[in-house]
Amino acid sequence: MEFMFQLKKTLYELLSEALGISSEYLESIECIKTASLGCNYYHVCPEPNLTLGVANHSDPSFLTILLQDNIGGLQILRYNHWVDAPHLQGSLLANVGDILQLISNDKFKSVMHRVVAGSVGNRVSASCFFLPVTSNRDKTFGPVKELLSEVNPPIYREISYSEYIAHFKSKGHDVTSTLNGFQL
């Protein structure tokens, strides 16, 4: 897990710099303070066309780092078509979450994705979700002020992570972006 925290530090510094703000900015607003590990096991399916491994969604995190095996099954929605995410043995996949999309005012986009069942073998994946500080669920997040201007107005209103999660959970199987509910 220590490796993941060092990777997190490097990534938030690079993401901050890519936005044109101080490399410490994202750390200072505590949007990546907590980490949660999720492991998934998908049993081989004799008729994969009849089921999904995980329904389409975008991540309710700031950033997700995924380690997957060589079975595949992760797909992303690109131009209204599902595309297999390429897999490189031993690689990690970084997935922008909704909170980073909100903070970056759409400079970075959260990816709609799903996992399809496979008939080749059992699939195993491990995800590390980087989340806002959990000790203060009412802390608000909004588009970075330094990114806003007359020609680039805010797309989203400020929200707390607890408000975001409540809306995320209330949507049920609605596969539209959770962020749609917070647009100005």
C-alpha atoms as a PDB file:
ATOM      1  CA  MET A   1       0.000   0.000   0.000  1.00  0.00           C
ATOM      2  CA  GLU A   2       2.975   2.300   0.578  1.00  0.00           C
ATOM      3  CA  PHE A   3       3.653   2.166  -3.164  1.00  0.00           C
ATOM      4  CA  MET A   4       0.076   3.360  -3.830  1.00  0.00           C
ATOM      5  CA  PHE A   5       0.496   6.353  -1.522  1.00  0.00           C
ATOM      6  CA  GLN A   6       3.727   7.350  -3.257  1.00  0.00           C
ATOM      7  CA  LEU A   7       2.022   6.890  -6.633  1.00  0.00           C
ATOM      8  CA  LYS A   8      -0.893   9.019  -5.387  1.00  0.00           C
ATOM      9  CA  LYS A   9       1.495  11.820  -4.412  1.00  0.00           C
ATOM     10  CA  THR A  10       3.203  11.749  -7.796  1.00  0.00           C
ATOM     11  CA  LEU A  11      -0.127  11.674  -9.644  1.00  0.00           C
ATOM     12  CA  TYR A  12      -1.738  14.568  -7.770  1.00  0.00           C
ATOM     13  CA  GLU A  13       1.388  16.665  -8.331  1.00  0.00           C
ATOM     14  CA  LEU A  14       1.332  15.868 -12.075  1.00  0.00           C
ATOM     15  CA  LEU A  15      -2.427  16.443 -12.324  1.00  0.00           C
ATOM     16  CA  SER A  16      -2.090  19.785 -10.535  1.00  0.00           C
ATOM     17  CA  GLU A  17       0.677  20.842 -12.896  1.00  0.00           C
ATOM     18  CA  ALA A  18      -1.344  19.674 -15.925  1.00  0.00           C
ATOM     19  CA  LEU A  19      -4.136  21.995 -14.756  1.00  0.00           C
ATOM     20  CA  GLY A  20      -1.632  24.853 -14.544  1.00  0.00           C
ATOM     21  CA  ILE A  21      -1.854  25.220 -10.766  1.00  0.00           C
ATOM     22  CA  SER A  22       0.607  24.652  -7.915  1.00  0.00           C
ATOM     23  CA  SER A  23       1.786  21.025  -7.677  1.00  0.00           C
ATOM     24  CA  GLU A  24       0.604  20.930  -4.041  1.00  0.00           C
ATOM     25  CA  TYR A  25      -2.883  22.315  -4.759  1.00  0.00           C
ATOM     26  CA  LEU A  26      -4.831  19.038  -5.001  1.00  0.00           C
ATOM     27  CA  GLU A  27      -3.215  17.742  -1.822  1.00  0.00           C
ATOM     28  CA  SER A  28      -4.016  20.982   0.008  1.00  0.00           C
ATOM     29  CA  ILE A  29      -7.763  20.730  -0.638  1.00  0.00           C
ATOM     30  CA  GLU A  30      -7.803  17.126   0.662  1.00  0.00           C
ATOM     31  CA  CYS A  31      -9.607  15.689  -2.348  1.00  0.00           C
ATOM     32  CA  ILE A  32      -7.322  12.610  -2.371  1.00  0.00           C
ATOM     33  CA  LYS A  33      -6.889  12.102   1.363  1.00  0.00           C
ATOM     34  CA  THR A  34      -8.396   8.619   1.757  1.00  0.00           C
ATOM     35  CA  ALA A  35      -7.740   5.343  -0.032  1.00  0.00           C
ATOM     36  CA  SER A  36     -10.092   2.388  -0.312  1.00  0.00           C
ATOM     37  CA  LEU A  37      -9.080  -0.951  -1.776  1.00  0.00           C
ATOM     38  CA  GLY A  38     -11.559  -3.091  -3.695  1.00  0.00           C
ATOM     39  CA  CYS A  39     -10.862  -6.547  -5.074  1.00  0.00           C
ATOM     40  CA  ASN A  40     -13.101  -8.246  -7.608  1.00  0.00           C
ATOM     41  CA  TYR A  41     -13.322 -11.847  -8.723  1.00  0.00           C
ATOM     42  CA  TYR A  42     -15.387 -12.655 -11.807  1.00  0.00           C
ATOM     43  CA  HIS A  43     -16.049 -16.355 -12.329  1.00  0.00           C
ATOM     44  CA  VAL A  44     -15.796 -17.672 -15.885  1.00  0.00           C
ATOM     45  CA  CYS A  45     -19.205 -17.525 -17.581  1.00  0.00           C
ATOM     46  CA  PRO A  46     -20.282 -20.126 -20.156  1.00  0.00           C
ATOM     47  CA  GLU A  47     -22.677 -17.630 -21.794  1.00  0.00           C
ATOM     48  CA  PRO A  48     -21.066 -14.193 -21.312  1.00  0.00           C
ATOM     49  CA  ASN A  49     -23.480 -12.491 -23.707  1.00  0.00           C
ATOM     50  CA  LEU A  50     -26.258 -13.030 -21.141  1.00  0.00           C
ATOM     51  CA  THR A  51     -24.674 -11.088 -18.277  1.00  0.00           C
ATOM     52  CA  LEU A  52     -22.374  -8.255 -17.228  1.00  0.00           C
ATOM     53  CA  GLY A  53     -19.613  -8.393 -14.643  1.00  0.00           C
ATOM     54  CA  VAL A  54     -20.290  -4.806 -13.500  1.00  0.00           C
ATOM     55  CA  ALA A  55     -22.856  -2.431 -15.037  1.00  0.00           C
ATOM     56  CA  ASN A  56     -21.750   0.805 -16.695  1.00  0.00           C
ATOM     57  CA  HIS A  57     -20.787   3.581 -14.300  1.00  0.00           C
ATOM     58  CA  SER A  58     -18.235   6.292 -13.624  1.00  0.00           C
ATOM     59  CA  ASP A  59     -16.254   6.163 -10.402  1.00  0.00           C
ATOM     60  CA  PRO A  60     -17.428   8.160  -7.363  1.00  0.00           C
ATOM     61  CA  SER A  61     -13.808   8.898  -6.511  1.00  0.00           C
ATOM     62  CA  PHE A  62     -11.146  11.422  -7.341  1.00  0.00           C
ATOM     63  CA  LEU A  63      -8.935   8.863  -9.031  1.00  0.00           C
ATOM     64  CA  THR A  64      -8.923   5.068  -9.320  1.00  0.00           C
ATOM     65  CA  ILE A  65      -5.831   2.948  -9.896  1.00  0.00           C
ATOM     66  CA  LEU A  66      -6.635  -0.494 -11.288  1.00  0.00           C
ATOM     67  CA  LEU A  67      -4.511  -3.627 -11.454  1.00  0.00           C
ATOM     68  CA  GLN A  68      -6.099  -6.313 -13.601  1.00  0.00           C
ATOM     69  CA  ASP A  69      -5.052  -9.738 -14.752  1.00  0.00           C
ATOM     70  CA  ASN A  70      -4.577 -10.795 -18.361  1.00  0.00           C
ATOM     71  CA  ILE A  71      -8.169 -12.013 -18.885  1.00  0.00           C
ATOM     72  CA  GLY A  72      -9.548  -8.592 -19.874  1.00  0.00           C
ATOM     73  CA  GLY A  73     -13.183  -7.570 -19.734  1.00  0.00           C
ATOM     74  CA  LEU A  74     -12.898  -3.879 -18.876  1.00  0.00           C
ATOM     75  CA  GLN A  75     -14.630  -1.706 -21.455  1.00  0.00           C
ATOM     76  CA  ILE A  76     -14.912   2.064 -21.797  1.00  0.00           C
ATOM     77  CA  LEU A  77     -17.620   4.053 -23.542  1.00  0.00           C
ATOM     78  CA  ARG A  78     -16.101   6.021 -26.412  1.00  0.00           C
ATOM     79  CA  TYR A  79     -18.256   7.894 -28.930  1.00  0.00           C
ATOM     80  CA  ASN A  80     -21.306   5.871 -27.791  1.00  0.00           C
ATOM     81  CA  HIS A  81     -19.576   2.526 -28.445  1.00  0.00           C
ATOM     82  CA  TRP A  82     -18.137   0.093 -25.918  1.00  0.00           C
ATOM     83  CA  VAL A  83     -14.438  -0.480 -26.531  1.00  0.00           C
ATOM     84  CA  ASP A  84     -12.195  -3.028 -24.823  1.00  0.00           C
ATOM     85  CA  ALA A  85      -9.620  -1.317 -22.623  1.00  0.00           C
ATOM     86  CA  PRO A  86      -6.184  -2.488 -23.712  1.00  0.00           C
ATOM     87  CA  HIS A  87      -4.332  -4.547 -21.165  1.00  0.00           C
ATOM     88  CA  LEU A  88      -0.579  -4.551 -20.707  1.00  0.00           C
ATOM     89  CA  GLN A  89       0.813  -7.228 -18.405  1.00  0.00           C
ATOM     90  CA  GLY A  90       2.050  -5.686 -15.128  1.00  0.00           C
ATOM     91  CA  SER A  91       0.606  -2.247 -15.860  1.00  0.00           C
ATOM     92  CA  LEU A  92      -1.657  -0.063 -13.760  1.00  0.00           C
ATOM     93  CA  LEU A  93      -4.612   1.784 -15.231  1.00  0.00           C
ATOM     94  CA  ALA A  94      -5.452   5.269 -13.881  1.00  0.00           C
ATOM     95  CA  ASN A  95      -9.110   6.190 -14.151  1.00  0.00           C
ATOM     96  CA  VAL A  96     -10.332   9.758 -13.614  1.00  0.00           C
ATOM     97  CA  GLY A  97     -13.248   9.870 -11.170  1.00  0.00           C
ATOM     98  CA  ASP A  98     -16.198  12.246 -10.970  1.00  0.00           C
ATOM     99  CA  ILE A  99     -14.639  14.393  -8.245  1.00  0.00           C
ATOM    100  CA  LEU A 100     -11.593  15.167 -10.424  1.00  0.00           C
ATOM    101  CA  GLN A 101     -13.908  16.021 -13.315  1.00  0.00           C
ATOM    102  CA  LEU A 102     -15.830  18.444 -11.085  1.00  0.00           C
ATOM    103  CA  ILE A 103     -12.698  20.048  -9.600  1.00  0.00           C
ATOM    104  CA  SER A 104     -11.060  20.415 -13.028  1.00  0.00           C
ATOM    105  CA  ASN A 105     -14.260  21.925 -14.503  1.00  0.00           C
ATOM    106  CA  ASP A 106     -14.252  19.199 -17.202  1.00  0.00           C
ATOM    107  CA  LYS A 107     -10.550  19.582 -18.081  1.00  0.00           C
ATOM    108  CA  PHE A 108     -10.281  15.926 -17.028  1.00  0.00           C
ATOM    109  CA  LYS A 109     -13.228  13.646 -17.807  1.00  0.00           C
ATOM    110  CA  SER A 110     -14.516  10.775 -15.742  1.00  0.00           C
ATOM    111  CA  VAL A 111     -14.791   7.631 -17.842  1.00  0.00           C
ATOM    112  CA  MET A 112     -18.009   5.636 -18.183  1.00  0.00           C
ATOM    113  CA  HIS A 113     -16.910   1.991 -18.002  1.00  0.00           C
ATOM    114  CA  ARG A 114     -18.144  -1.523 -17.321  1.00  0.00           C
ATOM    115  CA  VAL A 115     -16.838  -5.067 -16.970  1.00  0.00           C
ATOM    116  CA  VAL A 116     -18.132  -7.766 -19.275  1.00  0.00           C
ATOM    117  CA  ALA A 117     -18.185 -11.418 -18.317  1.00  0.00           C
ATOM    118  CA  GLY A 118     -15.794 -13.707 -20.113  1.00  0.00           C
ATOM    119  CA  SER A 119     -15.805 -17.326 -21.222  1.00  0.00           C
ATOM    120  CA  VAL A 120     -12.006 -17.735 -21.203  1.00  0.00           C
ATOM    121  CA  GLY A 121     -11.133 -17.768 -17.500  1.00  0.00           C
ATOM    122  CA  ASN A 122     -11.742 -16.287 -14.094  1.00  0.00           C
ATOM    123  CA  ARG A 123     -10.990 -12.539 -13.924  1.00  0.00           C
ATOM    124  CA  VAL A 124      -9.348 -10.859 -10.927  1.00  0.00           C
ATOM    125  CA  SER A 125      -8.831  -7.140 -10.410  1.00  0.00           C
ATOM    126  CA  ALA A 126      -7.818  -4.842  -7.577  1.00  0.00           C
ATOM    127  CA  SER A 127      -8.794  -1.176  -7.457  1.00  0.00           C
ATOM    128  CA  CYS A 128      -7.462   1.548  -5.216  1.00  0.00           C
ATOM    129  CA  PHE A 129      -9.968   4.398  -4.980  1.00  0.00           C
ATOM    130  CA  PHE A 130      -8.580   7.751  -3.873  1.00  0.00           C
ATOM    131  CA  LEU A 131     -11.314   9.740  -2.157  1.00  0.00           C
ATOM    132  CA  PRO A 132     -11.786  13.065  -0.372  1.00  0.00           C
ATOM    133  CA  VAL A 133     -11.060  13.242   3.345  1.00  0.00           C
ATOM    134  CA  THR A 134     -13.592  11.020   5.145  1.00  0.00           C
ATOM    135  CA  SER A 135     -13.331  12.760   8.517  1.00  0.00           C
ATOM    136  CA  ASN A 136     -15.078  15.810   7.058  1.00  0.00           C
ATOM    137  CA  ARG A 137     -17.765  14.582   4.634  1.00  0.00           C
ATOM    138  CA  ASP A 138     -19.330  18.070   4.543  1.00  0.00           C
ATOM    139  CA  LYS A 139     -16.216  19.772   3.153  1.00  0.00           C
ATOM    140  CA  THR A 140     -17.211  21.283  -0.183  1.00  0.00           C
ATOM    141  CA  PHE A 141     -15.497  20.847  -3.532  1.00  0.00           C
ATOM    142  CA  GLY A 142     -16.013  22.883  -6.652  1.00  0.00           C
ATOM    143  CA  PRO A 143     -14.166  23.911  -9.785  1.00  0.00           C
ATOM    144  CA  VAL A 144     -10.696  25.300  -9.056  1.00  0.00           C
ATOM    145  CA  LYS A 145     -11.107  29.095  -8.981  1.00  0.00           C
ATOM    146  CA  GLU A 146      -7.832  29.644 -10.873  1.00  0.00           C
ATOM    147  CA  LEU A 147      -9.270  27.716 -13.837  1.00  0.00           C
ATOM    148  CA  LEU A 148     -12.374  29.890 -14.130  1.00  0.00           C
ATOM    149  CA  SER A 149     -12.835  32.990 -16.267  1.00  0.00           C
ATOM    150  CA  GLU A 150     -15.451  34.749 -18.344  1.00  0.00           C
ATOM    151  CA  VAL A 151     -14.716  32.406 -21.234  1.00  0.00           C
ATOM    152  CA  ASN A 152     -14.454  29.375 -18.921  1.00  0.00           C
ATOM    153  CA  PRO A 153     -17.264  29.744 -16.354  1.00  0.00           C
ATOM    154  CA  PRO A 154     -17.948  27.067 -13.730  1.00  0.00           C
ATOM    155  CA  ILE A 155     -19.872  24.060 -15.039  1.00  0.00           C
ATOM    156  CA  TYR A 156     -20.695  22.663 -11.586  1.00  0.00           C
ATOM    157  CA  ARG A 157     -21.757  24.129  -8.289  1.00  0.00           C
ATOM    158  CA  GLU A 158     -19.817  23.433  -5.119  1.00  0.00           C
ATOM    159  CA  ILE A 159     -20.901  20.231  -3.389  1.00  0.00           C
ATOM    160  CA  SER A 160     -19.883  18.177  -0.389  1.00  0.00           C
ATOM    161  CA  TYR A 161     -18.739  14.614  -0.877  1.00  0.00           C
ATOM    162  CA  SER A 162     -21.613  13.384   1.282  1.00  0.00           C
ATOM    163  CA  GLU A 163     -24.075  15.214  -1.018  1.00  0.00           C
ATOM    164  CA  TYR A 164     -22.411  13.640  -4.050  1.00  0.00           C
ATOM    165  CA  ILE A 165     -22.536  10.111  -2.561  1.00  0.00           C
ATOM    166  CA  ALA A 166     -26.200  10.512  -1.538  1.00  0.00           C
ATOM    167  CA  HIS A 167     -27.079  11.481  -5.122  1.00  0.00           C
ATOM    168  CA  PHE A 168     -24.881   8.674  -6.534  1.00  0.00           C
ATOM    169  CA  LYS A 169     -26.712   6.088  -4.394  1.00  0.00           C
ATOM    170  CA  SER A 170     -30.171   7.528  -5.121  1.00  0.00           C
ATOM    171  CA  LYS A 171     -29.713   7.053  -8.872  1.00  0.00           C
ATOM    172  CA  GLY A 172     -29.873   3.265  -8.601  1.00  0.00           C
ATOM    173  CA  HIS A 173     -29.444   1.755 -12.059  1.00  0.00           C
ATOM    174  CA  ASP A 174     -29.606   5.110 -13.843  1.00  0.00           C
ATOM    175  CA  VAL A 175     -26.378   5.051 -15.838  1.00  0.00           C
ATOM    176  CA  THR A 176     -26.141   8.774 -16.600  1.00  0.00           C
ATOM    177  CA  SER A 177     -23.336  10.721 -14.980  1.00  0.00           C
ATOM    178  CA  THR A 178     -23.901  11.591 -11.326  1.00  0.00           C
ATOM    179  CA  LEU A 179     -22.376  14.996 -12.083  1.00  0.00           C
ATOM    180  CA  ASN A 180     -25.373  15.932 -14.262  1.00  0.00           C
ATOM    181  CA  GLY A 181     -27.263  16.609 -11.032  1.00  0.00           C
ATOM    182  CA  PHE A 182     -24.761  19.286 -10.006  1.00  0.00           C
ATOM    183  CA  GLN A 183     -24.424  21.278 -13.215  1.00  0.00           C
ATOM    184  CA  LEU A 184     -25.163  24.996 -13.107  1.00  0.00           C
END
